[in-house]
Every structure is written in structure tokens, then in C-alpha cells.
C-alpha atoms as a PDB file:
ATOM      1  CA  UNK A   1       1.661 -14.128  -2.101  1.00  0.00           C
ATOM      2  CA  UNK A   2      -1.136 -11.551  -2.412  1.00  0.00           C
ATOM      3  CA  UNK A   3      -0.787  -7.987  -2.254  1.00  0.00           C
ATOM      4  CA  UNK A   4      -1.658  -4.519  -2.857  1.00  0.00           C
ATOM      5  CA  UNK A   5       0.722  -1.402  -3.765  1.00  0.00           C
ATOM      6  CA  UNK A   6       0.143   2.026  -3.694  1.00  0.00           C
ATOM      7  CA  UNK A   7       0.438   3.263  -7.205  1.00  0.00           C
ATOM      8  CA  UNK A   8      -0.144   6.377  -9.464  1.00  0.00           C
ATOM      9  CA  UNK A   9      -1.427   4.558 -12.142  1.00  0.00           C
ATOM     10  CA  UNK A  10      -2.936   1.056 -13.404  1.00  0.00           C
ATOM     11  CA  UNK A  11      -0.029  -0.914 -14.623  1.00  0.00           C
ATOM     12  CA  UNK A  12       2.868  -2.066 -13.437  1.00  0.00           C
ATOM     13  CA  UNK A  13       4.683  -0.070 -15.574  1.00  0.00           C
ATOM     14  CA  UNK A  14       2.970   2.715 -12.799  1.00  0.00           C
ATOM     15  CA  UNK A  15       4.896   4.598 -10.049  1.00  0.00           C
ATOM     16  CA  UNK A  16       4.871   3.813  -6.590  1.00  0.00           C
ATOM     17  CA  UNK A  17       2.444   6.118  -5.145  1.00  0.00           C
ATOM     18  CA  UNK A  18       4.127   8.058  -2.005  1.00  0.00           C
ATOM     19  CA  UNK A  19       0.903   8.331  -0.011  1.00  0.00           C
ATOM     20  CA  UNK A  20      -0.639   5.512   1.318  1.00  0.00           C
ATOM     21  CA  UNK A  21      -4.032   6.647   2.437  1.00  0.00           C
ATOM     22  CA  UNK A  22      -4.445   9.278  -0.744  1.00  0.00           C
ATOM     23  CA  UNK A  23      -3.060   7.017  -3.394  1.00  0.00           C
ATOM     24  CA  UNK A  24      -4.669   7.185  -6.645  1.00  0.00           C
ATOM     25  CA  UNK A  25      -4.734   3.115  -6.953  1.00  0.00           C
ATOM     26  CA  UNK A  26      -4.109   0.203  -4.731  1.00  0.00           C
ATOM     27  CA  UNK A  27      -2.747  -2.946  -7.497  1.00  0.00           C
ATOM     28  CA  UNK A  28      -3.226  -5.331  -5.804  1.00  0.00           C
ATOM     29  CA  UNK A  29      -0.687  -8.343  -7.286  1.00  0.00           C
ATOM     30  CA  UNK A  30      -0.451 -12.510  -6.914  1.00  0.00           C
ATOM     31  CA  UNK A  31       3.695 -12.225  -6.745  1.00  0.00           C
ATOM     32  CA  UNK A  32       4.052 -15.498  -8.421  1.00  0.00           C
ATOM     33  CA  UNK A  33       2.274 -15.276 -11.724  1.00  0.00           C
ATOM     34  CA  UNK A  34       2.289 -11.050 -11.448  1.00  0.00           C
ATOM     35  CA  UNK A  35      -1.450 -10.871 -12.094  1.00  0.00           C
ATOM     36  CA  UNK A  36      -2.650  -8.166 -10.970  1.00  0.00           C
ATOM     37  CA  UNK A  37      -5.985  -6.137 -10.608  1.00  0.00           C
ATOM     38  CA  UNK A  38      -6.747  -2.612  -9.931  1.00  0.00           C
ATOM     39  CA  UNK A  39      -9.123  -1.259  -7.035  1.00  0.00           C
ATOM     40  CA  UNK A  40      -9.268   2.697  -7.838  1.00  0.00           C
ATOM     41  CA  UNK A  41      -9.035   4.437  -3.840  1.00  0.00           C
ATOM     42  CA  UNK A  42     -10.877   7.365  -5.628  1.00  0.00           C
ATOM     43  CA  UNK A  43     -13.421   7.247  -2.604  1.00  0.00           C
ATOM     44  CA  UNK A  44     -10.629   8.800  -0.128  1.00  0.00           C
ATOM     45  CA  UNK A  45      -8.849  11.140  -2.042  1.00  0.00           C
ATOM     46  CA  UNK A  46     -10.492  14.178  -1.063  1.00  0.00           C
ATOM     47  CA  UNK A  47     -11.611  12.821   2.895  1.00  0.00           C
ATOM     48  CA  UNK A  48     -10.840  16.037   5.037  1.00  0.00           C
ATOM     49  CA  UNK A  49      -9.166  13.699   7.352  1.00  0.00           C
ATOM     50  CA  UNK A  50      -9.297   9.396   7.552  1.00  0.00           C
ATOM     51  CA  UNK A  51      -8.276   8.674   4.533  1.00  0.00           C
ATOM     52  CA  UNK A  52      -5.285   6.175   5.906  1.00  0.00           C
ATOM     53  CA  UNK A  53      -8.264   4.450   7.871  1.00  0.00           C
ATOM     54  CA  UNK A  54     -10.475   3.825   5.380  1.00  0.00           C
ATOM     55  CA  UNK A  55      -7.281   3.133   3.186  1.00  0.00           C
ATOM     56  CA  UNK A  56      -6.406   0.462   5.452  1.00  0.00           C
ATOM     57  CA  UNK A  57      -9.905  -1.113   5.655  1.00  0.00           C
ATOM     58  CA  UNK A  58     -10.433  -1.247   1.782  1.00  0.00           C
ATOM     59  CA  UNK A  59      -6.976  -2.670   1.401  1.00  0.00           C
ATOM     60  CA  UNK A  60      -7.114  -4.992   4.592  1.00  0.00           C
ATOM     61  CA  UNK A  61     -10.790  -6.214   3.209  1.00  0.00           C
ATOM     62  CA  UNK A  62      -8.929  -7.364   0.225  1.00  0.00           C
ATOM     63  CA  UNK A  63      -7.148  -9.917   1.920  1.00  0.00           C
ATOM     64  CA  UNK A  64      -3.666  -8.935   1.049  1.00  0.00           C
ATOM     65  CA  UNK A  65      -0.470  -9.727   3.133  1.00  0.00           C
ATOM     66  CA  UNK A  66       1.082  -6.821   2.782  1.00  0.00           C
ATOM     67  CA  UNK A  67       1.660  -3.571   1.443  1.00  0.00           C
ATOM     68  CA  UNK A  68       4.033  -2.033  -0.243  1.00  0.00           C
ATOM     69  CA  UNK A  69       3.741   2.167  -0.355  1.00  0.00           C
ATOM     70  CA  UNK A  70       5.971   5.069   0.074  1.00  0.00           C
ATOM     71  CA  UNK A  71       4.728   5.973   3.268  1.00  0.00           C
ATOM     72  CA  UNK A  72       2.086   5.060   5.400  1.00  0.00           C
ATOM     73  CA  UNK A  73       0.855   6.914   8.892  1.00  0.00           C
ATOM     74  CA  UNK A  74       0.307   5.537  12.289  1.00  0.00           C
ATOM     75  CA  UNK A  75      -3.893   5.273  11.984  1.00  0.00           C
ATOM     76  CA  UNK A  76      -3.242   3.105   8.479  1.00  0.00           C
ATOM     77  CA  UNK A  77      -0.787   1.759  10.519  1.00  0.00           C
ATOM     78  CA  UNK A  78      -2.537   0.334  12.865  1.00  0.00           C
ATOM     79  CA  UNK A  79      -5.515  -0.402  10.713  1.00  0.00           C
ATOM     80  CA  UNK A  80      -3.492  -2.688   8.505  1.00  0.00           C
ATOM     81  CA  UNK A  81      -1.642  -4.266  11.780  1.00  0.00           C
ATOM     82  CA  UNK A  82      -4.590  -5.178  13.147  1.00  0.00           C
ATOM     83  CA  UNK A  83      -5.922  -6.775  10.525  1.00  0.00           C
ATOM     84  CA  UNK A  84      -2.683  -8.539  10.024  1.00  0.00           C
ATOM     85  CA  UNK A  85      -1.392  -7.017   7.131  1.00  0.00           C
ATOM     86  CA  UNK A  86       2.363  -6.636   7.336  1.00  0.00           C
ATOM     87  CA  UNK A  87       3.606  -2.997   5.815  1.00  0.00           C
ATOM     88  CA  UNK A  88       6.503  -1.757   3.575  1.00  0.00           C
ATOM     89  CA  UNK A  89       7.138   1.691   3.347  1.00  0.00           C
ATOM     90  CA  UNK A  90       9.995   4.069   2.194  1.00  0.00           C
ATOM     91  CA  UNK A  91       9.468   2.493  -1.351  1.00  0.00           C
ATOM     92  CA  UNK A  92      10.106   4.385  -4.878  1.00  0.00           C
ATOM     93  CA  UNK A  93      10.227   3.231  -8.314  1.00  0.00           C
ATOM     94  CA  UNK A  94       8.148   1.423 -10.222  1.00  0.00           C
ATOM     95  CA  UNK A  95       5.365  -1.425  -8.988  1.00  0.00           C
ATOM     96  CA  UNK A  96       6.756  -4.345 -10.645  1.00  0.00           C
ATOM     97  CA  UNK A  97      10.336  -3.030  -9.424  1.00  0.00           C
ATOM     98  CA  UNK A  98       8.959  -3.303  -5.530  1.00  0.00           C
ATOM     99  CA  UNK A  99       7.755  -6.661  -6.460  1.00  0.00           C
ATOM    100  CA  UNK A 100      10.884  -8.191  -7.703  1.00  0.00           C
ATOM    101  CA  UNK A 101      12.547  -6.734  -5.233  1.00  0.00           C
ATOM    102  CA  UNK A 102       9.861  -8.541  -2.207  1.00  0.00           C
ATOM    103  CA  UNK A 103      10.516 -11.790  -4.308  1.00  0.00           C
ATOM    104  CA  UNK A 104      14.379 -11.366  -3.692  1.00  0.00           C
ATOM    105  CA  UNK A 105      13.771 -10.838  -0.454  1.00  0.00           C
ATOM    106  CA  UNK A 106      15.526  -7.169  -0.808  1.00  0.00           C
ATOM    107  CA  UNK A 107      12.190  -5.183   1.402  1.00  0.00           C
ATOM    108  CA  UNK A 108      12.314  -5.322   5.045  1.00  0.00           C
ATOM    109  CA  UNK A 109       8.999  -4.983   6.946  1.00  0.00           C
ATOM    110  CA  UNK A 110       8.244  -1.957   8.984  1.00  0.00           C
ATOM    111  CA  UNK A 111       7.879  -2.097  12.750  1.00  0.00           C
ATOM    112  CA  UNK A 112       5.748   0.994  12.710  1.00  0.00           C
ATOM    113  CA  UNK A 113       4.243   4.172  10.452  1.00  0.00           C
ATOM    114  CA  UNK A 114       7.385   6.031   9.045  1.00  0.00           C
ATOM    115  CA  UNK A 115       5.933   9.167   9.178  1.00  0.00           C
ATOM    116  CA  UNK A 116       3.387  11.049  11.732  1.00  0.00           C
ATOM    117  CA  UNK A 117      -0.457  11.414  11.655  1.00  0.00           C
ATOM    118  CA  UNK A 118      -2.431  14.495   9.889  1.00  0.00           C
ATOM    119  CA  UNK A 119      -4.620  14.979  12.931  1.00  0.00           C
ATOM    120  CA  UNK A 120      -3.052  13.470  15.741  1.00  0.00           C
END
């Protein structure tokens, strides 16, 4: 499965970034082989608003099946859901640990956002 993980760094040992829209990077991972690539999110870090929507579009365009992150607001969640991307929230630790938990079935998909939007 191809997934995206919000990350504060650029390796599998990096910590999961608790922010989706303003994550430093997204690590795009093949969960079967653990092969990965980095998608920087610098274009969204300093947006005054709309970072979640833009990050959601960026990730959806990468054709991932799921996202693992700490927090995901309602606008980003809606963009991802509309694109058919499943979301897993409330996750911390390293990217590698999260992928291993996903592979063992220890993570559950979110039914909705886990934080309120900033601009509602």
C-alpha cells in the first residue's frame, strides 16, 4: 500500500509531525517494501490560511491510499476523504514505528477530523 506520513524530518526514523497541513514533510512509503520518497511541504508552512486544504490536495495528487498524522482538521479531512484517501490520526512516535503498526493492523482509520479548524 502507498501511504503518506506527516514527518518532522526526512527519514523513516524521523518523528511524525503532529500537524498535517503545516507538516515539514510528507514521507511517501510503500508499506510492503518500505521504499520511500520525501515530499517537502514548505509551500504550506507559512500560509496565513488554507494550509490543510493545500496539503490535502498535495497528498491526494500523490495517489496515496492513506495518511498517517498527529492531527487533521475538518477542511483537510474533507479534501482527503473526497479523494478517497483514508486518514489515521492521533499518532506519534517515529514514521517507521507507525508503518509497522499499520502493517500489523494496530491502527484504525478516523471517521472524521480530530481537531477543529482554525478558520471556521
